[in-house]
Amino acid sequence: MATTTLPKSQIIVTLESGAMIEEIKKALKMIRGIASVRTVRTSEKNQITPALRKQILKAEEEHEKGETIACESPEEMIRYFDSL
């Protein structure tokens, strides 16, 4: 008989302080159905700032309106930049 694997879900929690990390991990491990708990540190350079979010939203709007340039390959992109 074939078995079906259900997709795993994730919850991402961002903490202002790392003081409670171990206690939170212990509490989560006590909940039935928790497969694993791990800690990942992020750096400031990996975060999306409000200014970057604004630029991303603007680029998405321009793309939806067809106001962007699409290149099929790196070579095509180089040719485009060389033509400017």
C-alpha atoms as a PDB file:
ATOM      1  CA  MET A   1       0.000   0.000   0.000  1.00  0.00           C
ATOM      2  CA  ALA A   2       1.402   3.442  -0.937  1.00  0.00           C
ATOM      3  CA  THR A   3       1.786   6.044   1.744  1.00  0.00           C
ATOM      4  CA  THR A   4       1.045   9.712   1.308  1.00  0.00           C
ATOM      5  CA  THR A   5       3.308  12.340   2.807  1.00  0.00           C
ATOM      6  CA  LEU A   6       1.559  15.490   3.908  1.00  0.00           C
ATOM      7  CA  PRO A   7       3.357  18.761   3.236  1.00  0.00           C
ATOM      8  CA  LYS A   8       5.098  20.213   6.258  1.00  0.00           C
ATOM      9  CA  SER A   9       4.031  23.625   7.453  1.00  0.00           C
ATOM     10  CA  GLN A  10       6.338  26.175   9.022  1.00  0.00           C
ATOM     11  CA  ILE A  11       5.836  28.984  11.473  1.00  0.00           C
ATOM     12  CA  ILE A  12       8.484  31.693  11.493  1.00  0.00           C
ATOM     13  CA  VAL A  13       8.793  33.686  14.695  1.00  0.00           C
ATOM     14  CA  THR A  14      11.040  36.734  14.937  1.00  0.00           C
ATOM     15  CA  LEU A  15      12.279  37.598  18.402  1.00  0.00           C
ATOM     16  CA  GLU A  16      13.528  41.009  19.468  1.00  0.00           C
ATOM     17  CA  SER A  17      15.798  39.413  22.039  1.00  0.00           C
ATOM     18  CA  GLY A  18      17.403  36.001  22.142  1.00  0.00           C
ATOM     19  CA  ALA A  19      16.946  35.709  25.902  1.00  0.00           C
ATOM     20  CA  MET A  20      13.935  33.389  25.638  1.00  0.00           C
ATOM     21  CA  ILE A  21      15.060  31.199  22.734  1.00  0.00           C
ATOM     22  CA  GLU A  22      15.842  28.059  24.736  1.00  0.00           C
ATOM     23  CA  GLU A  23      12.624  28.253  26.758  1.00  0.00           C
ATOM     24  CA  ILE A  24      10.545  28.750  23.624  1.00  0.00           C
ATOM     25  CA  LYS A  25      12.256  25.813  21.896  1.00  0.00           C
ATOM     26  CA  LYS A  26      11.591  23.535  24.896  1.00  0.00           C
ATOM     27  CA  ALA A  27       7.926  24.567  25.007  1.00  0.00           C
ATOM     28  CA  LEU A  28       7.457  23.976  21.283  1.00  0.00           C
ATOM     29  CA  LYS A  29       9.042  20.514  21.454  1.00  0.00           C
ATOM     30  CA  MET A  30       6.404  19.521  24.015  1.00  0.00           C
ATOM     31  CA  ILE A  31       3.587  20.101  21.524  1.00  0.00           C
ATOM     32  CA  ARG A  32       2.445  16.959  19.723  1.00  0.00           C
ATOM     33  CA  GLY A  33       3.085  17.161  15.992  1.00  0.00           C
ATOM     34  CA  ILE A  34       6.158  19.395  16.145  1.00  0.00           C
ATOM     35  CA  ALA A  35       8.720  17.699  13.919  1.00  0.00           C
ATOM     36  CA  SER A  36      11.678  19.949  14.710  1.00  0.00           C
ATOM     37  CA  VAL A  37      12.619  23.304  16.169  1.00  0.00           C
ATOM     38  CA  ARG A  38      15.684  25.166  14.984  1.00  0.00           C
ATOM     39  CA  THR A  39      17.170  28.608  15.393  1.00  0.00           C
ATOM     40  CA  VAL A  40      18.407  30.714  12.487  1.00  0.00           C
ATOM     41  CA  ARG A  41      20.117  34.052  12.921  1.00  0.00           C
ATOM     42  CA  THR A  42      19.504  36.714  10.321  1.00  0.00           C
ATOM     43  CA  SER A  43      21.684  39.670   9.549  1.00  0.00           C
ATOM     44  CA  GLU A  44      20.673  43.237   8.814  1.00  0.00           C
ATOM     45  CA  LYS A  45      21.783  42.884   5.189  1.00  0.00           C
ATOM     46  CA  ASN A  46      19.194  40.113   4.648  1.00  0.00           C
ATOM     47  CA  GLN A  47      16.260  42.221   5.803  1.00  0.00           C
ATOM     48  CA  ILE A  48      13.937  44.154   3.540  1.00  0.00           C
ATOM     49  CA  THR A  49      13.820  47.771   4.636  1.00  0.00           C
ATOM     50  CA  PRO A  50      10.783  49.978   4.028  1.00  0.00           C
ATOM     51  CA  ALA A  51      12.735  51.792   1.276  1.00  0.00           C
ATOM     52  CA  LEU A  52      13.603  48.500  -0.451  1.00  0.00           C
ATOM     53  CA  ARG A  53       9.995  47.281  -0.076  1.00  0.00           C
ATOM     54  CA  LYS A  54       8.851  50.491  -1.827  1.00  0.00           C
ATOM     55  CA  GLN A  55      11.276  49.876  -4.702  1.00  0.00           C
ATOM     56  CA  ILE A  56      10.124  46.265  -5.025  1.00  0.00           C
ATOM     57  CA  LEU A  57       6.456  47.302  -5.151  1.00  0.00           C
ATOM     58  CA  LYS A  58       7.251  49.959  -7.766  1.00  0.00           C
ATOM     59  CA  ALA A  59       9.118  47.412  -9.892  1.00  0.00           C
ATOM     60  CA  GLU A  60       6.203  44.957  -9.621  1.00  0.00           C
ATOM     61  CA  GLU A  61       3.756  47.667 -10.740  1.00  0.00           C
ATOM     62  CA  GLU A  62       5.984  48.605 -13.685  1.00  0.00           C
ATOM     63  CA  HIS A  63       6.256  44.940 -14.670  1.00  0.00           C
ATOM     64  CA  GLU A  64       2.474  44.496 -14.567  1.00  0.00           C
ATOM     65  CA  LYS A  65       2.070  47.562 -16.827  1.00  0.00           C
ATOM     66  CA  GLY A  66       4.654  46.229 -19.277  1.00  0.00           C
ATOM     67  CA  GLU A  67       7.034  49.082 -18.520  1.00  0.00           C
ATOM     68  CA  THR A  68      10.036  46.815 -18.028  1.00  0.00           C
ATOM     69  CA  ILE A  69      12.703  45.338 -20.244  1.00  0.00           C
ATOM     70  CA  ALA A  70      13.042  41.559 -20.313  1.00  0.00           C
ATOM     71  CA  CYS A  71      16.179  39.830 -21.551  1.00  0.00           C
ATOM     72  CA  GLU A  72      16.180  36.151 -22.435  1.00  0.00           C
ATOM     73  CA  SER A  73      19.868  35.605 -21.694  1.00  0.00           C
ATOM     74  CA  PRO A  74      22.875  37.303 -20.082  1.00  0.00           C
ATOM     75  CA  GLU A  75      24.266  37.953 -23.551  1.00  0.00           C
ATOM     76  CA  GLU A  76      21.083  39.769 -24.579  1.00  0.00           C
ATOM     77  CA  MET A  77      21.306  41.876 -21.420  1.00  0.00           C
ATOM     78  CA  ILE A  78      24.933  42.801 -22.193  1.00  0.00           C
ATOM     79  CA  ARG A  79      23.961  43.788 -25.755  1.00  0.00           C
ATOM     80  CA  TYR A  80      21.150  45.952 -24.351  1.00  0.00           C
ATOM     81  CA  PHE A  81      23.461  47.754 -21.908  1.00  0.00           C
ATOM     82  CA  ASP A  82      26.102  48.224 -24.600  1.00  0.00           C
ATOM     83  CA  SER A  83      23.492  49.873 -26.824  1.00  0.00           C
ATOM     84  CA  LEU A  84      22.667  52.576 -24.270  1.00  0.00           C
END
